Amino acid sequence: MNFLTFKSTFQDYPVFSRTEIKKHFPNFDPKNLVRWQKKGYLLKVRNNWYCFEDHQWDERQLFWVANRIYTPSYISLEAALSYYGLIPEGVFTMQSISTRKTNTFATPIGHFTYATVKPSWYFGYQMKESGRLYCAIAEPAKALLDLLYLRPELQTDDQFDALRLNMAEVHAVLDIPKYRHYLETLAGPALQDRGRRLLAFIQRSGAYAVTR
């Protein structure tokens, strides 16, 4: 197969799978993938997933890749908090939530991690557009609660302070009624307790006026 024909078919996809290749080219010879990797045209992202070596990446495209190479999953934890500006640091690992087993992929285009949750906790994400692509990312309220869900050691003001939350952005984007709804209707007693402590900590920061 001619590589230029192949590239014109998949150039709008940050990554593509062998299954997708077969849909477009039923008689495709997989040996082409090996040959094109040796020539530096393609990179193997993980088993059965590939990208073009010269692709220019942005954050949302990497989020989309995270969604695609391990499904179901959505971006959360510090990756989502950084995206919303709720923590000051940039995050170089694409952190996701999944109902599948915990997993990590160190790839040529980035580091992807997946933390497992029970199916009843798999909610609270929204679709964000990037060009013609859509990536699933936790809402701000759910990203905070996912952090508490997966890190039960987060319990005290000192530990909450170590998160270095940008309280001005918390004030701007955090949906407190939604946070409370998720916490009070879907979380267990221990998580409810820590979730209320975090909310009280935010209130005491002086930058967020919480009303009941």
N, C-alpha and C. Protein backbone atom coordinates (compact mmCIF):
# COMPACT_ATOMS: atom_id res chain seq x y z
N MET A 1 0.83 -1.19 0.00
CA MET A 1 0.00 0.00 0.00
C MET A 1 0.86 1.24 0.00
N ASN A 2 0.39 2.30 -0.66
CA ASN A 2 1.07 3.58 -0.70
C ASN A 2 0.87 4.31 0.62
N PHE A 3 1.98 4.75 1.25
CA PHE A 3 1.87 5.41 2.55
C PHE A 3 1.10 6.72 2.46
N LEU A 4 1.25 7.48 1.39
CA LEU A 4 0.55 8.76 1.27
C LEU A 4 -0.96 8.56 1.24
N THR A 5 -1.41 7.50 0.60
CA THR A 5 -2.84 7.18 0.60
C THR A 5 -3.30 6.84 2.01
N PHE A 6 -2.50 6.04 2.70
CA PHE A 6 -2.81 5.67 4.08
C PHE A 6 -2.87 6.92 4.97
N LYS A 7 -1.89 7.79 4.83
CA LYS A 7 -1.83 8.97 5.70
C LYS A 7 -3.00 9.92 5.42
N SER A 8 -3.38 10.07 4.19
CA SER A 8 -4.49 10.97 3.87
C SER A 8 -5.79 10.47 4.49
N THR A 9 -5.90 9.17 4.71
CA THR A 9 -7.10 8.59 5.31
C THR A 9 -7.16 8.84 6.81
N PHE A 10 -6.01 8.78 7.47
CA PHE A 10 -5.98 8.84 8.93
C PHE A 10 -5.36 10.12 9.50
N GLN A 11 -5.05 11.09 8.67
CA GLN A 11 -4.31 12.25 9.15
C GLN A 11 -5.11 13.10 10.15
N ASP A 12 -6.44 12.98 10.17
CA ASP A 12 -7.24 13.75 11.12
C ASP A 12 -7.44 13.03 12.45
N TYR A 13 -6.85 11.83 12.58
CA TYR A 13 -6.98 11.05 13.81
C TYR A 13 -5.66 11.09 14.58
N PRO A 14 -5.67 11.56 15.82
CA PRO A 14 -4.42 11.54 16.60
C PRO A 14 -3.85 10.13 16.74
N VAL A 15 -4.71 9.14 16.97
CA VAL A 15 -4.28 7.74 16.97
C VAL A 15 -5.32 6.93 16.20
N PHE A 16 -4.91 5.77 15.74
CA PHE A 16 -5.83 4.90 15.02
C PHE A 16 -5.43 3.46 15.32
N SER A 17 -6.40 2.58 15.25
CA SER A 17 -6.19 1.19 15.63
C SER A 17 -6.13 0.28 14.41
N ARG A 18 -5.66 -0.92 14.63
CA ARG A 18 -5.66 -1.91 13.55
C ARG A 18 -7.08 -2.20 13.08
N THR A 19 -8.02 -2.20 14.03
CA THR A 19 -9.41 -2.43 13.66
C THR A 19 -9.91 -1.35 12.70
N GLU A 20 -9.58 -0.10 12.99
CA GLU A 20 -9.99 1.00 12.12
C GLU A 20 -9.31 0.92 10.75
N ILE A 21 -8.05 0.51 10.76
CA ILE A 21 -7.34 0.35 9.48
C ILE A 21 -8.04 -0.68 8.61
N LYS A 22 -8.43 -1.80 9.22
CA LYS A 22 -9.09 -2.87 8.47
C LYS A 22 -10.44 -2.42 7.92
N LYS A 23 -11.11 -1.53 8.65
CA LYS A 23 -12.40 -1.04 8.15
C LYS A 23 -12.23 -0.25 6.86
N HIS A 24 -11.16 0.53 6.80
CA HIS A 24 -10.91 1.35 5.62
C HIS A 24 -10.23 0.54 4.51
N PHE A 25 -9.35 -0.36 4.92
CA PHE A 25 -8.57 -1.14 3.94
C PHE A 25 -8.64 -2.63 4.30
N PRO A 26 -9.70 -3.32 3.88
CA PRO A 26 -9.90 -4.72 4.28
C PRO A 26 -8.73 -5.64 3.94
N ASN A 27 -8.00 -5.33 2.90
CA ASN A 27 -6.88 -6.19 2.49
C ASN A 27 -5.52 -5.67 2.96
N PHE A 28 -5.55 -4.81 3.95
CA PHE A 28 -4.32 -4.19 4.44
C PHE A 28 -3.35 -5.24 4.98
N ASP A 29 -2.10 -5.13 4.61
CA ASP A 29 -1.06 -6.04 5.08
C ASP A 29 -0.42 -5.45 6.34
N PRO A 30 -0.55 -6.10 7.51
CA PRO A 30 0.02 -5.57 8.76
C PRO A 30 1.54 -5.36 8.69
N LYS A 31 2.21 -6.01 7.76
CA LYS A 31 3.65 -5.81 7.63
C LYS A 31 3.99 -4.37 7.27
N ASN A 32 3.02 -3.68 6.66
CA ASN A 32 3.24 -2.26 6.36
C ASN A 32 3.50 -1.45 7.63
N LEU A 33 2.80 -1.81 8.70
CA LEU A 33 2.96 -1.08 9.96
C LEU A 33 4.39 -1.22 10.49
N VAL A 34 4.93 -2.43 10.39
CA VAL A 34 6.30 -2.66 10.83
C VAL A 34 7.27 -1.88 9.95
N ARG A 35 7.06 -1.94 8.66
CA ARG A 35 7.97 -1.25 7.72
C ARG A 35 7.92 0.26 7.92
N TRP A 36 6.73 0.81 8.10
CA TRP A 36 6.61 2.26 8.27
C TRP A 36 7.15 2.73 9.61
N GLN A 37 7.08 1.88 10.62
CA GLN A 37 7.72 2.23 11.89
C GLN A 37 9.24 2.30 11.71
N LYS A 38 9.81 1.35 11.00
CA LYS A 38 11.25 1.34 10.78
C LYS A 38 11.70 2.56 9.99
N LYS A 39 10.86 3.04 9.11
CA LYS A 39 11.19 4.22 8.31
C LYS A 39 10.94 5.53 9.06
N GLY A 40 10.35 5.44 10.26
CA GLY A 40 10.09 6.64 11.04
C GLY A 40 8.82 7.36 10.67
N TYR A 41 7.93 6.68 9.96
CA TYR A 41 6.66 7.30 9.58
C TYR A 41 5.61 7.17 10.68
N LEU A 42 5.65 6.04 11.41
CA LEU A 42 4.65 5.74 12.42
C LEU A 42 5.31 5.48 13.77
N LEU A 43 4.52 5.70 14.84
CA LEU A 43 4.89 5.30 16.19
C LEU A 43 3.83 4.34 16.71
N LYS A 44 4.27 3.32 17.40
CA LYS A 44 3.33 2.42 18.07
C LYS A 44 3.05 2.97 19.46
N VAL A 45 1.82 3.35 19.71
CA VAL A 45 1.44 3.96 20.99
C VAL A 45 1.30 2.87 22.06
N ARG A 46 0.53 1.85 21.74
CA ARG A 46 0.43 0.64 22.55
C ARG A 46 -0.09 -0.45 21.64
N ASN A 47 -0.32 -1.63 22.17
CA ASN A 47 -0.76 -2.74 21.32
C ASN A 47 -1.94 -2.33 20.44
N ASN A 48 -1.75 -2.46 19.13
CA ASN A 48 -2.80 -2.22 18.13
C ASN A 48 -3.17 -0.76 17.93
N TRP A 49 -2.45 0.16 18.55
CA TRP A 49 -2.73 1.60 18.39
C TRP A 49 -1.47 2.30 17.86
N TYR A 50 -1.66 3.18 16.88
CA TYR A 50 -0.55 3.84 16.20
C TYR A 50 -0.87 5.32 16.00
N CYS A 51 0.20 6.09 15.72
CA CYS A 51 0.04 7.49 15.35
C CYS A 51 1.14 7.84 14.34
N PHE A 52 0.98 8.97 13.69
CA PHE A 52 2.02 9.43 12.77
C PHE A 52 3.13 10.10 13.57
N GLU A 53 4.35 9.82 13.19
CA GLU A 53 5.50 10.32 13.94
C GLU A 53 5.55 11.84 13.97
N ASP A 54 5.08 12.51 12.93
CA ASP A 54 5.18 13.97 12.85
C ASP A 54 3.94 14.68 13.37
N HIS A 55 3.05 13.96 14.05
CA HIS A 55 1.84 14.61 14.56
C HIS A 55 2.19 15.63 15.64
N GLN A 56 1.54 16.78 15.60
CA GLN A 56 1.74 17.83 16.60
C GLN A 56 0.64 17.73 17.65
N TRP A 57 1.05 17.53 18.91
CA TRP A 57 0.09 17.22 19.96
C TRP A 57 -0.30 18.45 20.77
N ASP A 58 -1.55 18.49 21.21
CA ASP A 58 -1.97 19.44 22.23
C ASP A 58 -2.67 18.66 23.35
N GLU A 59 -2.98 19.35 24.43
CA GLU A 59 -3.48 18.67 25.63
C GLU A 59 -4.77 17.90 25.37
N ARG A 60 -5.71 18.53 24.70
CA ARG A 60 -7.00 17.86 24.50
C ARG A 60 -6.87 16.64 23.59
N GLN A 61 -5.96 16.70 22.64
CA GLN A 61 -5.74 15.52 21.80
C GLN A 61 -5.19 14.37 22.63
N LEU A 62 -4.30 14.67 23.57
CA LEU A 62 -3.79 13.62 24.45
C LEU A 62 -4.89 13.10 25.37
N PHE A 63 -5.79 13.98 25.80
CA PHE A 63 -6.95 13.52 26.56
C PHE A 63 -7.78 12.55 25.72
N TRP A 64 -8.00 12.90 24.46
CA TRP A 64 -8.77 12.04 23.56
C TRP A 64 -8.08 10.69 23.40
N VAL A 65 -6.76 10.70 23.25
CA VAL A 65 -6.01 9.46 23.15
C VAL A 65 -6.21 8.62 24.41
N ALA A 66 -6.13 9.26 25.57
CA ALA A 66 -6.33 8.55 26.84
C ALA A 66 -7.69 7.86 26.85
N ASN A 67 -8.72 8.56 26.39
CA ASN A 67 -10.06 7.96 26.31
C ASN A 67 -10.09 6.76 25.38
N ARG A 68 -9.36 6.85 24.27
CA ARG A 68 -9.47 5.86 23.21
C ARG A 68 -8.70 4.56 23.48
N ILE A 69 -7.50 4.68 24.04
CA ILE A 69 -6.65 3.50 24.12
C ILE A 69 -6.99 2.59 25.30
N TYR A 70 -7.90 3.06 26.17
CA TYR A 70 -8.34 2.23 27.30
C TYR A 70 -9.76 2.66 27.64
N THR A 71 -10.73 1.86 27.24
CA THR A 71 -12.13 2.24 27.41
C THR A 71 -12.86 1.24 28.31
N PRO A 72 -13.87 1.73 29.08
CA PRO A 72 -14.27 3.13 29.19
C PRO A 72 -13.35 3.88 30.14
N SER A 73 -13.16 5.16 29.90
CA SER A 73 -12.34 5.98 30.79
C SER A 73 -12.65 7.45 30.56
N TYR A 74 -12.36 8.25 31.58
CA TYR A 74 -12.44 9.70 31.43
C TYR A 74 -11.29 10.34 32.22
N ILE A 75 -10.83 11.48 31.78
CA ILE A 75 -9.74 12.22 32.43
C ILE A 75 -10.22 12.75 33.79
N SER A 76 -9.38 12.62 34.82
CA SER A 76 -9.75 13.13 36.14
C SER A 76 -8.50 13.39 36.96
N LEU A 77 -8.69 13.48 38.28
CA LEU A 77 -7.62 13.70 39.26
C LEU A 77 -6.82 14.97 38.92
N GLU A 78 -5.51 14.97 39.15
CA GLU A 78 -4.74 16.20 38.93
C GLU A 78 -4.77 16.67 37.48
N ALA A 79 -4.89 15.74 36.54
CA ALA A 79 -4.95 16.14 35.13
C ALA A 79 -6.16 17.02 34.87
N ALA A 80 -7.31 16.65 35.43
CA ALA A 80 -8.51 17.47 35.27
C ALA A 80 -8.42 18.75 36.09
N LEU A 81 -7.90 18.65 37.32
CA LEU A 81 -7.77 19.84 38.17
C LEU A 81 -6.86 20.87 37.50
N SER A 82 -5.77 20.42 36.90
CA SER A 82 -4.87 21.33 36.19
C SER A 82 -5.56 21.94 34.98
N TYR A 83 -6.32 21.14 34.25
CA TYR A 83 -7.04 21.63 33.07
C TYR A 83 -7.96 22.78 33.44
N TYR A 84 -8.66 22.68 34.58
CA TYR A 84 -9.58 23.72 35.02
C TYR A 84 -8.88 24.86 35.75
N GLY A 85 -7.58 24.74 35.98
CA GLY A 85 -6.85 25.77 36.71
C GLY A 85 -7.03 25.70 38.21
N LEU A 86 -7.49 24.56 38.71
CA LEU A 86 -7.73 24.44 40.15
C LEU A 86 -6.46 24.13 40.93
N ILE A 87 -5.42 23.68 40.25
CA ILE A 87 -4.09 23.57 40.85
C ILE A 87 -3.12 24.28 39.92
N PRO A 88 -2.04 24.84 40.47
CA PRO A 88 -1.17 25.68 39.65
C PRO A 88 -0.24 24.92 38.72
N GLU A 89 0.07 23.68 39.05
CA GLU A 89 1.08 22.95 38.28
C GLU A 89 0.50 22.32 37.02
N GLY A 90 1.31 22.29 35.97
CA GLY A 90 0.97 21.48 34.82
C GLY A 90 1.18 20.02 35.17
N VAL A 91 0.41 19.14 34.57
CA VAL A 91 0.50 17.71 34.84
C VAL A 91 0.94 17.01 33.56
N PHE A 92 1.96 16.19 33.67
CA PHE A 92 2.53 15.54 32.48
C PHE A 92 2.07 14.09 32.32
N THR A 93 1.27 13.61 33.26
CA THR A 93 0.67 12.29 33.14
C THR A 93 -0.82 12.45 32.88
N MET A 94 -1.31 11.76 31.87
CA MET A 94 -2.74 11.78 31.57
C MET A 94 -3.43 10.80 32.51
N GLN A 95 -4.04 11.34 33.57
CA GLN A 95 -4.64 10.50 34.61
C GLN A 95 -6.12 10.31 34.32
N SER A 96 -6.56 9.06 34.35
CA SER A 96 -7.94 8.74 34.00
C SER A 96 -8.57 7.83 35.04
N ILE A 97 -9.90 7.82 35.01
CA ILE A 97 -10.72 6.92 35.81
C ILE A 97 -11.33 5.88 34.87
N SER A 98 -11.39 4.63 35.33
CA SER A 98 -11.97 3.57 34.51
C SER A 98 -12.62 2.54 35.41
N THR A 99 -13.55 1.77 34.84
CA THR A 99 -14.12 0.64 35.57
C THR A 99 -13.29 -0.62 35.33
N ARG A 100 -12.32 -0.55 34.43
CA ARG A 100 -11.42 -1.68 34.20
C ARG A 100 -10.29 -1.66 35.23
N LYS A 101 -9.43 -2.65 35.18
CA LYS A 101 -8.37 -2.75 36.18
C LYS A 101 -7.40 -1.58 36.06
N THR A 102 -6.77 -1.22 37.16
CA THR A 102 -5.76 -0.18 37.18
C THR A 102 -4.65 -0.52 36.19
N ASN A 103 -4.21 0.49 35.43
CA ASN A 103 -3.21 0.22 34.40
C ASN A 103 -2.38 1.46 34.14
N THR A 104 -1.21 1.25 33.54
CA THR A 104 -0.30 2.34 33.18
C THR A 104 0.32 2.02 31.83
N PHE A 105 0.40 3.04 30.97
CA PHE A 105 1.04 2.89 29.67
C PHE A 105 2.07 4.00 29.49
N ALA A 106 3.33 3.63 29.41
CA ALA A 106 4.39 4.58 29.07
C ALA A 106 4.57 4.50 27.56
N THR A 107 4.23 5.54 26.85
CA THR A 107 4.20 5.50 25.38
C THR A 107 5.13 6.56 24.81
N PRO A 108 5.40 6.51 23.52
CA PRO A 108 6.25 7.54 22.89
C PRO A 108 5.63 8.94 22.92
N ILE A 109 4.33 9.04 23.16
CA ILE A 109 3.68 10.36 23.13
C ILE A 109 3.27 10.85 24.51
N GLY A 110 3.45 10.03 25.54
CA GLY A 110 3.10 10.47 26.88
C GLY A 110 2.84 9.30 27.81
N HIS A 111 2.62 9.65 29.09
CA HIS A 111 2.40 8.66 30.14
C HIS A 111 0.92 8.67 30.48
N PHE A 112 0.29 7.49 30.44
CA PHE A 112 -1.14 7.38 30.68
C PHE A 112 -1.38 6.43 31.84
N THR A 113 -2.17 6.89 32.83
CA THR A 113 -2.50 6.03 33.96
C THR A 113 -4.02 5.95 34.11
N TYR A 114 -4.47 4.80 34.62
CA TYR A 114 -5.90 4.55 34.77
C TYR A 114 -6.14 3.95 36.15
N ALA A 115 -6.98 4.62 36.93
CA ALA A 115 -7.32 4.15 38.27
C ALA A 115 -8.73 3.55 38.22
N THR A 116 -8.89 2.39 38.82
CA THR A 116 -10.17 1.72 38.74
C THR A 116 -11.12 2.18 39.84
N VAL A 117 -12.40 2.29 39.49
CA VAL A 117 -13.47 2.59 40.44
C VAL A 117 -14.61 1.61 40.20
N LYS A 118 -15.46 1.45 41.18
CA LYS A 118 -16.62 0.59 40.98
C LYS A 118 -17.58 1.26 39.98
N PRO A 119 -18.35 0.48 39.25
CA PRO A 119 -19.22 1.05 38.21
C PRO A 119 -20.15 2.15 38.72
N SER A 120 -20.62 2.04 39.95
CA SER A 120 -21.55 3.05 40.47
C SER A 120 -20.87 4.40 40.68
N TRP A 121 -19.52 4.44 40.67
CA TRP A 121 -18.79 5.69 40.84
C TRP A 121 -18.33 6.26 39.49
N TYR A 122 -18.69 5.60 38.42
CA TYR A 122 -18.28 6.04 37.09
C TYR A 122 -19.34 6.99 36.53
N PHE A 123 -19.20 8.27 36.83
CA PHE A 123 -20.16 9.30 36.42
C PHE A 123 -19.48 10.66 36.59
N GLY A 124 -20.22 11.72 36.30
CA GLY A 124 -19.74 13.06 36.59
C GLY A 124 -18.68 13.57 35.64
N TYR A 125 -18.74 13.17 34.37
CA TYR A 125 -17.81 13.68 33.38
C TYR A 125 -18.58 14.35 32.25
N GLN A 126 -17.91 15.16 31.48
CA GLN A 126 -18.53 15.85 30.37
C GLN A 126 -17.63 15.77 29.15
N MET A 127 -18.22 16.02 27.99
CA MET A 127 -17.47 15.94 26.74
C MET A 127 -16.98 17.34 26.36
N LYS A 128 -15.68 17.45 26.13
CA LYS A 128 -15.06 18.71 25.72
C LYS A 128 -14.60 18.58 24.27
N GLU A 129 -14.87 19.61 23.48
CA GLU A 129 -14.56 19.56 22.06
C GLU A 129 -13.16 20.08 21.78
N SER A 130 -12.48 19.42 20.86
CA SER A 130 -11.21 19.88 20.33
C SER A 130 -11.22 19.63 18.83
N GLY A 131 -11.56 20.67 18.09
CA GLY A 131 -11.74 20.49 16.65
C GLY A 131 -12.94 19.60 16.42
N ARG A 132 -12.73 18.49 15.73
CA ARG A 132 -13.81 17.53 15.50
C ARG A 132 -13.80 16.38 16.49
N LEU A 133 -12.92 16.48 17.49
CA LEU A 133 -12.79 15.42 18.48
C LEU A 133 -13.43 15.84 19.79
N TYR A 134 -13.91 14.86 20.53
CA TYR A 134 -14.49 15.11 21.84
C TYR A 134 -13.82 14.20 22.85
N CYS A 135 -13.40 14.79 23.98
CA CYS A 135 -12.78 13.98 25.03
C CYS A 135 -13.64 14.06 26.29
N ALA A 136 -13.65 12.96 27.04
CA ALA A 136 -14.41 12.88 28.28
C ALA A 136 -13.51 13.30 29.44
N ILE A 137 -13.97 14.28 30.20
CA ILE A 137 -13.19 14.80 31.33
C ILE A 137 -14.11 15.04 32.52
N ALA A 138 -13.65 14.74 33.70
CA ALA A 138 -14.45 14.91 34.91
C ALA A 138 -14.85 16.37 35.09
N GLU A 139 -16.06 16.58 35.58
CA GLU A 139 -16.45 17.91 36.01
C GLU A 139 -15.57 18.31 37.20
N PRO A 140 -15.41 19.61 37.47
CA PRO A 140 -14.56 20.00 38.60
C PRO A 140 -14.96 19.34 39.91
N ALA A 141 -16.27 19.28 40.19
CA ALA A 141 -16.73 18.66 41.44
C ALA A 141 -16.33 17.20 41.49
N LYS A 142 -16.48 16.49 40.38
CA LYS A 142 -16.17 15.06 40.38
C LYS A 142 -14.66 14.81 40.42
N ALA A 143 -13.87 15.69 39.80
CA ALA A 143 -12.43 15.53 39.85
C ALA A 143 -11.93 15.60 41.30
N LEU A 144 -12.49 16.54 42.08
CA LEU A 144 -12.12 16.63 43.50
C LEU A 144 -12.56 15.39 44.26
N LEU A 145 -13.79 14.94 44.00
CA LEU A 145 -14.28 13.77 44.71
C LEU A 145 -13.56 12.49 44.29
N ASP A 146 -13.17 12.40 43.01
CA ASP A 146 -12.36 11.25 42.59
C ASP A 146 -11.04 11.22 43.36
N LEU A 147 -10.46 12.40 43.58
CA LEU A 147 -9.21 12.47 44.33
C LEU A 147 -9.40 11.94 45.75
N LEU A 148 -10.48 12.35 46.39
CA LEU A 148 -10.76 11.87 47.75
C LEU A 148 -11.09 10.38 47.74
N TYR A 149 -11.81 9.93 46.74
CA TYR A 149 -12.20 8.52 46.62
C TYR A 149 -10.98 7.61 46.55
N LEU A 150 -9.99 8.03 45.77
CA LEU A 150 -8.83 7.18 45.52
C LEU A 150 -7.69 7.39 46.51
N ARG A 151 -7.77 8.49 47.28
CA ARG A 151 -6.69 8.79 48.23
C ARG A 151 -7.28 9.03 49.62
N PRO A 152 -7.64 7.96 50.29
CA PRO A 152 -8.30 8.10 51.60
C PRO A 152 -7.42 8.75 52.66
N GLU A 153 -6.13 8.87 52.38
CA GLU A 153 -5.25 9.54 53.35
C GLU A 153 -5.51 11.05 53.41
N LEU A 154 -6.20 11.59 52.44
CA LEU A 154 -6.51 13.03 52.43
C LEU A 154 -7.65 13.29 53.41
N GLN A 155 -7.31 13.80 54.60
CA GLN A 155 -8.31 13.95 55.65
C GLN A 155 -8.19 15.26 56.42
N THR A 156 -7.01 15.86 56.48
CA THR A 156 -6.79 17.00 57.36
C THR A 156 -6.57 18.28 56.56
N ASP A 157 -6.69 19.40 57.26
CA ASP A 157 -6.45 20.70 56.61
C ASP A 157 -5.05 20.78 56.03
N ASP A 158 -4.07 20.25 56.75
CA ASP A 158 -2.69 20.29 56.25
C ASP A 158 -2.58 19.50 54.94
N GLN A 159 -3.24 18.37 54.87
CA GLN A 159 -3.20 17.57 53.66
C GLN A 159 -3.97 18.24 52.52
N PHE A 160 -5.10 18.88 52.83
CA PHE A 160 -5.83 19.62 51.80
C PHE A 160 -5.01 20.81 51.32
N ASP A 161 -4.32 21.47 52.27
CA ASP A 161 -3.50 22.62 51.90
C ASP A 161 -2.37 22.21 50.96
N ALA A 162 -1.85 20.98 51.14
CA ALA A 162 -0.77 20.49 50.30
C ALA A 162 -1.21 20.29 48.84
N LEU A 163 -2.51 20.24 48.60
CA LEU A 163 -3.00 20.15 47.23
C LEU A 163 -2.76 21.44 46.46
N ARG A 164 -2.55 22.55 47.18
CA ARG A 164 -2.28 23.86 46.58
C ARG A 164 -3.41 24.29 45.64
N LEU A 165 -4.64 24.14 46.12
CA LEU A 165 -5.79 24.54 45.32
C LEU A 165 -5.77 26.04 45.08
N ASN A 166 -6.04 26.42 43.85
CA ASN A 166 -6.17 27.82 43.48
C ASN A 166 -7.58 28.26 43.84
N MET A 167 -7.75 28.89 45.02
CA MET A 167 -9.07 29.17 45.53
C MET A 167 -9.87 30.14 44.66
N ALA A 168 -9.18 31.05 43.97
CA ALA A 168 -9.90 31.96 43.07
C ALA A 168 -10.59 31.17 41.95
N GLU A 169 -9.89 30.17 41.42
CA GLU A 169 -10.48 29.35 40.37
C GLU A 169 -11.53 28.40 40.93
N VAL A 170 -11.29 27.89 42.14
CA VAL A 170 -12.31 27.08 42.79
C VAL A 170 -13.61 27.86 42.89
N HIS A 171 -13.49 29.11 43.33
CA HIS A 171 -14.66 29.99 43.44
C HIS A 171 -15.35 30.16 42.09
N ALA A 172 -14.58 30.22 41.02
CA ALA A 172 -15.14 30.49 39.70
C ALA A 172 -15.82 29.29 39.08
N VAL A 173 -15.29 28.08 39.30
CA VAL A 173 -15.77 26.96 38.50
C VAL A 173 -16.43 25.83 39.29
N LEU A 174 -16.23 25.75 40.60
CA LEU A 174 -16.76 24.61 41.33
C LEU A 174 -18.26 24.77 41.57
N ASP A 175 -19.03 23.79 41.14
CA ASP A 175 -20.48 23.77 41.34
C ASP A 175 -20.76 23.10 42.68
N ILE A 176 -20.96 23.94 43.72
CA ILE A 176 -21.14 23.42 45.08
C ILE A 176 -22.40 22.56 45.20
N PRO A 177 -23.56 22.97 44.66
CA PRO A 177 -24.73 22.08 44.76
C PRO A 177 -24.48 20.70 44.13
N LYS A 178 -23.79 20.67 43.00
CA LYS A 178 -23.49 19.39 42.36
C LYS A 178 -22.52 18.57 43.22
N TYR A 179 -21.51 19.23 43.76
CA TYR A 179 -20.56 18.57 44.66
C TYR A 179 -21.31 17.92 45.82
N ARG A 180 -22.20 18.68 46.44
CA ARG A 180 -22.96 18.16 47.58
C ARG A 180 -23.87 17.01 47.15
N HIS A 181 -24.49 17.15 45.99
CA HIS A 181 -25.38 16.10 45.51
C HIS A 181 -24.62 14.79 45.31
N TYR A 182 -23.50 14.86 44.62
CA TYR A 182 -22.70 13.67 44.41
C TYR A 182 -22.27 13.07 45.74
N LEU A 183 -21.83 13.92 46.64
CA LEU A 183 -21.30 13.47 47.92
C LEU A 183 -22.38 12.81 48.77
N GLU A 184 -23.54 13.44 48.83
CA GLU A 184 -24.56 12.99 49.78
C GLU A 184 -25.43 11.86 49.24
N THR A 185 -25.48 11.70 47.94
CA THR A 185 -26.35 10.65 47.37
C THR A 185 -25.59 9.45 46.84
N LEU A 186 -24.30 9.61 46.53
CA LEU A 186 -23.58 8.52 45.86
C LEU A 186 -22.33 8.05 46.61
N ALA A 187 -21.87 8.81 47.58
CA ALA A 187 -20.65 8.44 48.31
C ALA A 187 -20.99 7.67 49.57
N GLY A 188 -20.05 6.83 50.00
CA GLY A 188 -20.19 6.11 51.26
C GLY A 188 -19.91 7.01 52.44
N PRO A 189 -20.19 6.55 53.65
CA PRO A 189 -20.04 7.38 54.86
C PRO A 189 -18.64 7.96 55.04
N ALA A 190 -17.59 7.17 54.83
CA ALA A 190 -16.23 7.66 55.03
C ALA A 190 -15.90 8.76 54.03
N LEU A 191 -16.26 8.56 52.78
CA LEU A 191 -16.00 9.57 51.76
C LEU A 191 -16.84 10.81 52.01
N GLN A 192 -18.07 10.63 52.45
CA GLN A 192 -18.90 11.79 52.80
C GLN A 192 -18.22 12.65 53.86
N ASP A 193 -17.67 11.99 54.88
CA ASP A 193 -17.00 12.72 55.95
C ASP A 193 -15.83 13.53 55.42
N ARG A 194 -14.97 12.90 54.60
CA ARG A 194 -13.80 13.61 54.08
C ARG A 194 -14.22 14.68 53.06
N GLY A 195 -15.27 14.40 52.30
CA GLY A 195 -15.76 15.40 51.36
C GLY A 195 -16.28 16.64 52.05
N ARG A 196 -16.96 16.46 53.19
CA ARG A 196 -17.44 17.61 53.96
C ARG A 196 -16.27 18.38 54.58
N ARG A 197 -15.24 17.64 54.99
CA ARG A 197 -14.05 18.32 55.55
C ARG A 197 -13.38 19.18 54.49
N LEU A 198 -13.28 18.66 53.26
CA LEU A 198 -12.67 19.44 52.19
C LEU A 198 -13.50 20.68 51.90
N LEU A 199 -14.81 20.55 51.87
CA LEU A 199 -15.67 21.70 51.63
C LEU A 199 -15.53 22.73 52.74
N ALA A 200 -15.45 22.27 53.98
CA ALA A 200 -15.26 23.19 55.10
C ALA A 200 -13.91 23.90 54.99
N PHE A 201 -12.89 23.17 54.56
CA PHE A 201 -11.57 23.77 54.35
C PHE A 201 -11.64 24.87 53.30
N ILE A 202 -12.34 24.61 52.22
CA ILE A 202 -12.49 25.62 51.17
C ILE A 202 -13.22 26.84 51.72
N GLN A 203 -14.27 26.60 52.52
CA GLN A 203 -15.02 27.70 53.11
C GLN A 203 -14.13 28.54 54.02
N ARG A 204 -13.32 27.86 54.82
CA ARG A 204 -12.47 28.60 55.77
C ARG A 204 -11.34 29.34 55.09
N SER A 205 -11.10 29.03 53.83
CA SER A 205 -10.03 29.72 53.12
C SER A 205 -10.30 31.21 52.99
N GLY A 206 -11.58 31.59 53.14
CA GLY A 206 -11.93 33.00 53.04
C GLY A 206 -12.16 33.48 51.62
N ALA A 207 -11.88 32.60 50.64
CA ALA A 207 -12.05 32.99 49.25
C ALA A 207 -13.32 32.41 48.66
N TYR A 208 -14.04 31.63 49.45
CA TYR A 208 -15.23 30.96 48.92
C TYR A 208 -16.34 31.09 49.93
N ALA A 209 -17.43 31.72 49.55
CA ALA A 209 -18.58 31.88 50.44
C ALA A 209 -19.57 30.76 50.17
N VAL A 210 -19.60 29.78 51.05
CA VAL A 210 -20.49 28.64 50.87
C VAL A 210 -21.77 28.88 51.65
N THR A 211 -22.89 28.74 51.00
CA THR A 211 -24.15 28.92 51.66
C THR A 211 -24.97 27.64 51.51
N ARG A 212 -25.77 27.36 52.48
CA ARG A 212 -26.63 26.15 52.44
C ARG A 212 -27.98 26.51 51.83
